[in-house]
Amino acid sequence: AEDRAGFAEAKVEKMREESQHQVQLAKVQAKAEAADSERSLLNELAVLYNNFGTACKKLGDTDKALKMFTQALDVHQRIEGASQREQVPVLINLGAAHLSLGDPVAAEELFSKGFAIRKEELGDEDPQTQSAFKWLARAQQAVRVKAEGGAPSEGGTVASTPSAVSYSSAPSLLG
């Protein structure tokens, strides 16, 4: 009878321990799913801000576009575990807005960040890296012209600044 009681107690203890592990597992799994959901929602919010900024820029409201691109970048930077490469289209759009508004120094800093990220993650020869380099070169030229006290050449005017990049599900593939 004592053996049976001891066996039953051991079995109950094992079941209690197992159920505690299952509860812990369920809690952690719920937290992980919530975090994934939050990342997904933040990414979607960043995309919406970026696309709204793109629309504003196309409609000629570069000041509002600048605000939207800034919001998009702020949201991207809050996403834990996100690749920096996902920020690059926003960095380029934000830089293009600064360039359009006559602030090539701010544009150069943003394009430099975007170029560095792409160069590190994709290499020198990747077309996306080369595109980011062209933006950087355009801003550097505008900085030189501004430092010399001259007006921007045709290549540095607002009209020649390419359209902002919008994206829906793959921000790291555009820009």
Protein backbone atom coordinates (compact mmCIF):
# COMPACT_ATOMS: atom_id res chain seq x y z
CA ALA A 1 0.00 0.00 0.00
CA GLU A 2 2.89 2.36 0.78
CA ASP A 3 4.49 1.64 -2.58
CA ARG A 4 1.24 2.47 -4.34
CA ALA A 5 0.86 5.71 -2.36
CA GLY A 6 4.46 6.70 -3.11
CA PHE A 7 4.01 5.82 -6.76
CA ALA A 8 0.78 7.87 -6.91
CA GLU A 9 2.46 10.85 -5.22
CA ALA A 10 5.39 10.68 -7.66
CA LYS A 11 3.00 10.49 -10.58
CA VAL A 12 1.00 13.49 -9.30
CA GLU A 13 4.23 15.46 -8.75
CA LYS A 14 5.39 14.64 -12.28
CA MET A 15 2.03 15.71 -13.72
CA ARG A 16 2.11 18.96 -11.72
CA GLU A 17 5.63 19.71 -12.94
CA GLU A 18 4.63 18.92 -16.52
CA SER A 19 1.56 21.19 -16.32
CA GLN A 20 3.71 24.03 -14.90
CA HIS A 21 6.04 23.67 -17.88
CA GLN A 22 3.08 23.68 -20.25
CA VAL A 23 1.72 26.86 -18.64
CA GLN A 24 5.14 28.53 -18.90
CA LEU A 25 5.46 27.41 -22.50
CA ALA A 26 2.02 28.79 -23.33
CA LYS A 27 2.89 32.15 -21.70
CA VAL A 28 6.17 32.46 -23.58
CA GLN A 29 4.53 31.40 -26.83
CA ALA A 30 1.80 34.03 -26.36
CA LYS A 31 4.45 36.69 -25.70
CA ALA A 32 6.38 35.65 -28.80
CA GLU A 33 3.25 35.77 -30.93
CA ALA A 34 2.39 39.22 -29.53
CA ALA A 35 5.90 40.45 -30.30
CA ASP A 36 5.66 39.10 -33.87
CA SER A 37 2.29 40.80 -34.22
CA GLU A 38 3.71 44.07 -32.88
CA ARG A 39 6.66 43.89 -35.31
CA SER A 40 4.26 43.22 -38.15
CA LEU A 41 2.02 46.14 -37.18
CA LEU A 42 4.97 48.50 -36.75
CA ASN A 43 6.33 47.47 -40.14
CA GLU A 44 2.93 48.09 -41.70
CA LEU A 45 2.75 51.51 -40.01
CA ALA A 46 6.22 52.42 -41.32
CA VAL A 47 5.17 51.39 -44.83
CA LEU A 48 2.03 53.52 -44.58
CA TYR A 49 3.98 56.58 -43.42
CA ASN A 50 6.50 56.08 -46.22
CA ASN A 51 3.80 55.67 -48.86
CA PHE A 52 1.91 58.70 -47.55
CA GLY A 53 5.15 60.68 -47.76
CA THR A 54 5.62 59.48 -51.32
CA ALA A 55 2.13 60.67 -52.23
CA CYS A 56 2.76 64.04 -50.58
CA LYS A 57 6.03 64.47 -52.49
CA LYS A 58 4.35 63.60 -55.78
CA LEU A 59 1.66 66.19 -55.01
CA GLY A 60 4.36 68.80 -54.36
CA ASP A 61 4.01 68.98 -50.57
CA THR A 62 7.62 68.20 -49.75
CA ASP A 63 7.35 69.63 -46.22
CA LYS A 64 4.59 67.17 -45.36
CA ALA A 65 6.49 64.39 -47.15
CA LEU A 66 9.50 65.16 -44.96
CA LYS A 67 7.34 64.74 -41.84
CA MET A 68 5.89 61.44 -43.07
CA PHE A 69 9.30 60.03 -44.01
CA THR A 70 10.62 61.07 -40.60
CA GLN A 71 7.71 59.24 -38.94
CA ALA A 72 8.40 56.16 -41.08
CA LEU A 73 12.05 56.14 -40.03
CA ASP A 74 11.14 56.61 -36.36
CA VAL A 75 8.76 53.64 -36.53
CA HIS A 76 11.34 51.48 -38.36
CA GLN A 77 13.87 52.20 -35.63
CA ARG A 78 11.40 50.93 -32.99
CA ILE A 79 11.07 47.52 -34.63
CA GLU A 80 13.18 45.07 -32.64
CA GLY A 81 15.18 42.64 -34.70
CA ALA A 82 14.44 44.38 -37.99
CA SER A 83 17.13 44.52 -40.62
CA GLN A 84 18.63 47.96 -41.12
CA ARG A 85 18.26 47.34 -44.82
CA GLU A 86 14.50 47.79 -44.42
CA GLN A 87 15.17 51.41 -43.43
CA VAL A 88 17.12 52.27 -46.57
CA PRO A 89 14.16 53.23 -48.82
CA VAL A 90 12.97 55.59 -46.09
CA LEU A 91 16.47 57.01 -45.62
CA ILE A 92 16.65 57.66 -49.36
CA ASN A 93 13.18 59.23 -49.46
CA LEU A 94 13.99 61.39 -46.45
CA GLY A 95 17.28 62.43 -48.04
CA ALA A 96 15.55 63.24 -51.33
CA ALA A 97 13.06 65.42 -49.47
CA HIS A 98 15.90 67.29 -47.75
CA LEU A 99 17.65 67.68 -51.09
CA SER A 100 14.45 69.06 -52.65
CA LEU A 101 14.11 71.53 -49.79
CA GLY A 102 17.68 72.78 -50.29
CA ASP A 103 19.39 70.97 -47.39
CA PRO A 104 22.06 68.87 -49.11
CA VAL A 105 24.03 68.39 -45.86
CA ALA A 106 21.12 66.56 -44.20
CA ALA A 107 20.51 64.65 -47.44
CA GLU A 108 24.17 63.61 -47.64
CA GLU A 109 24.07 62.21 -44.09
CA LEU A 110 20.94 60.16 -44.82
CA PHE A 111 22.20 58.89 -48.18
CA SER A 112 25.53 58.01 -46.57
CA LYS A 113 23.75 55.86 -43.97
CA GLY A 114 21.69 54.14 -46.66
CA PHE A 115 24.73 53.52 -48.82
CA ALA A 116 26.74 52.12 -45.90
CA ILE A 117 23.95 49.71 -44.96
CA ARG A 118 23.53 48.45 -48.50
CA LYS A 119 27.26 48.17 -49.08
CA GLU A 120 27.69 46.11 -45.92
CA GLU A 121 24.69 43.85 -46.52
CA LEU A 122 24.66 43.57 -50.31
CA GLY A 123 28.19 44.41 -51.49
CA ASP A 124 29.54 47.05 -53.87
CA GLU A 125 28.24 45.54 -57.09
CA ASP A 126 24.58 45.16 -56.11
CA PRO A 127 22.27 47.50 -58.10
CA GLN A 128 20.62 48.68 -54.87
CA THR A 129 24.02 49.65 -53.46
CA GLN A 130 24.87 51.45 -56.68
CA SER A 131 21.54 53.30 -56.58
CA ALA A 132 22.26 54.46 -53.02
CA PHE A 133 25.73 55.57 -54.13
CA LYS A 134 24.22 57.69 -56.92
CA TRP A 135 22.00 59.43 -54.37
CA LEU A 136 25.01 60.05 -52.15
CA ALA A 137 27.04 61.44 -55.07
CA ARG A 138 24.16 63.76 -56.01
CA ALA A 139 24.01 65.12 -52.44
CA GLN A 140 27.80 65.52 -52.24
CA GLN A 141 27.72 67.52 -55.48
CA ALA A 142 24.95 69.74 -54.07
CA VAL A 143 26.98 70.27 -50.87
CA ARG A 144 30.01 71.35 -52.93
CA VAL A 145 27.92 73.73 -55.04
CA LYS A 146 26.31 75.22 -51.94
CA ALA A 147 29.71 75.62 -50.25
CA GLU A 148 31.00 77.48 -53.29
CA GLY A 149 28.05 79.83 -53.01
CA GLY A 150 26.61 78.82 -56.34
CA ALA A 151 23.16 77.79 -57.35
CA PRO A 152 22.56 74.12 -57.92
CA SER A 153 23.19 72.95 -61.43
CA GLU A 154 20.43 71.33 -63.45
CA GLY A 155 21.38 68.02 -61.82
CA GLY A 156 20.65 69.40 -58.36
CA THR A 157 17.33 71.11 -58.87
CA VAL A 158 14.11 70.07 -57.26
CA ALA A 159 12.72 69.07 -60.64
CA SER A 160 15.51 66.57 -61.20
CA THR A 161 15.15 64.89 -57.82
CA PRO A 162 13.64 61.47 -58.52
CA SER A 163 10.31 60.51 -57.09
CA ALA A 164 10.11 59.06 -53.64
CA VAL A 165 9.97 55.31 -53.36
CA SER A 166 6.83 53.64 -52.10
CA TYR A 167 6.59 50.01 -51.15
CA SER A 168 4.05 47.63 -49.75
CA SER A 169 5.51 44.38 -48.51
CA ALA A 170 9.18 44.32 -49.40
CA PRO A 171 10.73 47.66 -48.39
CA SER A 172 14.25 46.25 -48.53
CA LEU A 173 13.92 45.55 -52.24
CA LEU A 174 13.24 49.12 -53.36
CA GLY A 175 14.91 52.46 -53.19
